[in-house]
Protein backbone atom coordinates (compact mmCIF):
# COMPACT_ATOMS: atom_id res chain seq x y z
CA MET A 1 37.12 -139.39 -75.84
CA LYS A 2 38.38 -142.10 -73.54
CA LYS A 3 37.37 -142.13 -69.89
CA TYR A 4 39.04 -144.08 -67.10
CA LYS A 5 37.68 -145.23 -63.76
CA ASP A 6 39.24 -143.22 -60.88
CA LEU A 7 41.08 -140.90 -63.28
CA ASP A 8 39.17 -137.68 -62.81
CA CYS A 9 42.09 -135.26 -62.61
CA VAL A 10 45.76 -134.99 -63.52
CA LEU A 11 47.77 -132.87 -61.09
CA LEU A 12 50.78 -131.12 -62.63
CA VAL A 13 53.24 -130.04 -59.92
CA ASP A 14 56.04 -127.94 -61.40
CA ASP A 15 57.31 -124.48 -60.46
CA ASP A 16 57.69 -123.60 -64.15
CA ILE A 17 54.42 -122.16 -65.43
CA SER A 18 55.30 -122.68 -69.10
CA THR A 19 56.13 -126.35 -68.48
CA ASN A 20 52.76 -126.82 -66.78
CA PHE A 21 51.07 -125.12 -69.75
CA ILE A 22 52.80 -127.42 -72.25
CA HIS A 23 52.03 -130.52 -70.20
CA ARG A 24 48.39 -129.44 -69.87
CA ARG A 25 48.13 -129.20 -73.66
CA ILE A 26 49.73 -132.63 -74.05
CA VAL A 27 47.24 -134.21 -71.63
CA GLU A 28 44.33 -132.47 -73.37
CA ASN A 29 45.53 -133.58 -76.81
CA THR A 30 45.48 -137.27 -75.82
CA LYS A 31 41.69 -137.15 -76.02
CA ILE A 32 41.32 -138.62 -72.55
CA ASN A 33 38.43 -137.10 -70.61
CA VAL A 34 40.22 -135.78 -67.52
CA ALA A 35 40.49 -132.47 -65.68
CA VAL A 36 43.96 -130.93 -65.37
CA LYS A 37 45.09 -128.93 -62.35
CA GLU A 38 48.36 -127.00 -62.55
CA ILE A 39 50.14 -126.21 -59.28
CA THR A 40 53.50 -124.44 -58.96
CA SER A 41 54.63 -125.60 -55.51
CA ALA A 42 54.85 -128.87 -53.66
CA ARG A 43 53.33 -127.33 -50.52
CA GLU A 44 50.29 -126.15 -52.49
CA ALA A 45 49.95 -129.63 -54.01
CA LEU A 46 49.77 -131.14 -50.52
CA ASP A 47 47.08 -128.59 -49.63
CA TYR A 48 45.15 -129.57 -52.77
CA LEU A 49 45.30 -133.26 -51.84
CA THR A 50 44.24 -132.66 -48.23
CA PHE A 51 41.64 -129.93 -48.89
CA SER A 52 43.53 -127.49 -46.67
CA GLY A 53 44.91 -123.97 -47.03
CA LYS A 54 43.34 -122.25 -50.00
CA TYR A 55 41.75 -125.58 -50.98
CA ALA A 56 39.71 -125.88 -47.78
CA HIS A 57 36.09 -126.76 -48.60
CA THR A 58 36.96 -128.04 -52.09
CA GLU A 59 36.16 -131.69 -51.38
CA ASP A 60 33.88 -131.73 -54.44
CA ALA A 61 36.76 -130.81 -56.81
CA PRO A 62 38.00 -133.61 -59.11
CA LYS A 63 40.32 -135.99 -57.24
CA ALA A 64 43.83 -136.45 -58.60
CA GLY A 65 44.39 -139.82 -60.23
CA ILE A 66 47.86 -139.03 -61.53
CA ILE A 67 50.41 -136.59 -60.14
CA PHE A 68 53.24 -135.53 -62.44
CA LEU A 69 55.84 -134.27 -59.98
CA ASP A 70 58.96 -132.23 -60.72
CA ILE A 71 62.04 -132.83 -58.54
CA ASN A 72 63.76 -129.45 -58.61
CA MET A 73 61.49 -126.79 -57.15
CA PRO A 74 62.29 -123.97 -54.73
CA GLY A 75 61.36 -124.42 -51.09
CA MET A 76 59.87 -127.89 -50.94
CA ASN A 77 61.27 -130.03 -53.76
CA GLY A 78 59.84 -133.24 -55.18
CA TRP A 79 61.65 -135.43 -52.64
CA ASP A 80 60.38 -133.28 -49.77
CA PHE A 81 56.87 -133.59 -51.23
CA MET A 82 57.19 -137.38 -51.30
CA ALA A 83 58.33 -137.46 -47.67
CA GLU A 84 55.19 -135.52 -46.66
CA TYR A 85 52.98 -137.45 -49.08
CA LYS A 86 53.95 -140.73 -47.38
CA LYS A 87 52.57 -139.34 -44.10
CA LEU A 88 49.16 -138.47 -45.54
CA ASP A 89 46.07 -140.35 -44.47
CA GLU A 90 45.21 -143.06 -47.02
CA LYS A 91 41.96 -141.26 -47.91
CA HIS A 92 44.04 -138.42 -49.41
CA LYS A 93 46.29 -140.61 -51.53
CA ALA A 94 44.16 -143.63 -52.39
CA ARG A 95 44.43 -144.65 -56.03
CA ILE A 96 46.89 -141.87 -56.94
CA VAL A 97 49.68 -142.71 -59.34
CA VAL A 98 52.75 -140.54 -58.72
CA VAL A 99 55.06 -140.01 -61.69
CA MET A 100 58.37 -138.24 -61.14
CA LEU A 101 58.71 -136.02 -64.25
CA THR A 102 62.02 -134.24 -64.39
CA THR A 103 64.84 -132.78 -66.43
CA SER A 104 67.34 -134.28 -63.98
CA LEU A 105 70.01 -136.38 -65.64
CA ASN A 106 71.43 -137.43 -62.28
CA PRO A 107 71.28 -141.25 -62.21
CA ASP A 108 71.00 -141.07 -58.41
CA ASP A 109 67.59 -139.39 -58.78
CA GLU A 110 66.27 -142.27 -60.86
CA LEU A 111 67.71 -144.83 -58.42
CA HIS A 112 66.17 -142.93 -55.50
CA ALA A 113 62.79 -142.83 -57.25
CA ALA A 114 62.92 -146.58 -57.82
CA LYS A 115 63.27 -147.10 -54.06
CA VAL A 116 60.21 -144.97 -53.19
CA GLU A 117 57.27 -147.33 -53.40
CA GLU A 118 54.76 -144.49 -53.87
CA ILE A 119 56.47 -143.42 -57.12
CA ALA A 120 55.02 -145.48 -59.96
CA THR A 121 57.47 -144.38 -62.60
CA TYR A 122 60.22 -141.90 -63.46
CA LEU A 123 60.12 -139.96 -66.73
CA HIS A 124 62.22 -137.28 -68.35
CA LYS A 125 60.59 -134.03 -69.48
CA PRO A 126 58.82 -133.16 -71.54
CA LEU A 127 55.78 -135.35 -71.07
CA ASN A 128 54.43 -136.70 -74.33
CA MET A 129 51.04 -138.03 -75.38
CA GLN A 130 52.26 -141.63 -75.71
CA ALA A 131 53.73 -141.66 -72.19
CA PHE A 132 50.55 -140.21 -70.71
CA SER A 133 48.33 -142.69 -72.59
CA THR A 134 50.55 -145.58 -71.52
CA ILE A 135 50.31 -144.56 -67.85
CA ALA A 136 46.53 -144.17 -68.07
CA ASP A 137 46.19 -147.60 -69.73
CA LYS A 138 48.54 -149.30 -67.27
CA TYR A 139 47.12 -147.98 -64.00
CA PHE A 140 43.45 -147.28 -64.78
CA GLU A 141 40.56 -149.24 -66.21
CA GLU A 142 38.99 -147.75 -69.31
CA ILE A 143 35.25 -147.17 -69.03
CA LYS A 144 33.74 -148.62 -72.20
CA GLU A 145 30.79 -146.75 -73.63
CA ASN A 146 27.82 -148.90 -74.64
């Protein structure tokens, strides 16, 4: 299995439980040694990143290296999440790669994502093993075993 420096956890943020399940399996099947955390709301994802709410006292949990973020979610959507994410202290977002992962075919969403510097890339669902491997290779350094 491959291992990457600073890629301890992939955070899946999507209100659809079955989509999170499928994306978890895809990440696991890439044979990259990484924990996967599935979260169904943007607000809960912010709590996870800041160790607040139900994630208080979880500072020892694996830190997210990649966030796959859906746009269309009830309550706080992906854009709302990004607005709050920008306000976070650097210690909560250091070395996190945010990937907008959506079914949206609206070209305005892709243009908007391109203007948000915290969003590394914009992908259409479903996630696939090649896309995940490419992101890991591009943004993280592989730890070579001796």
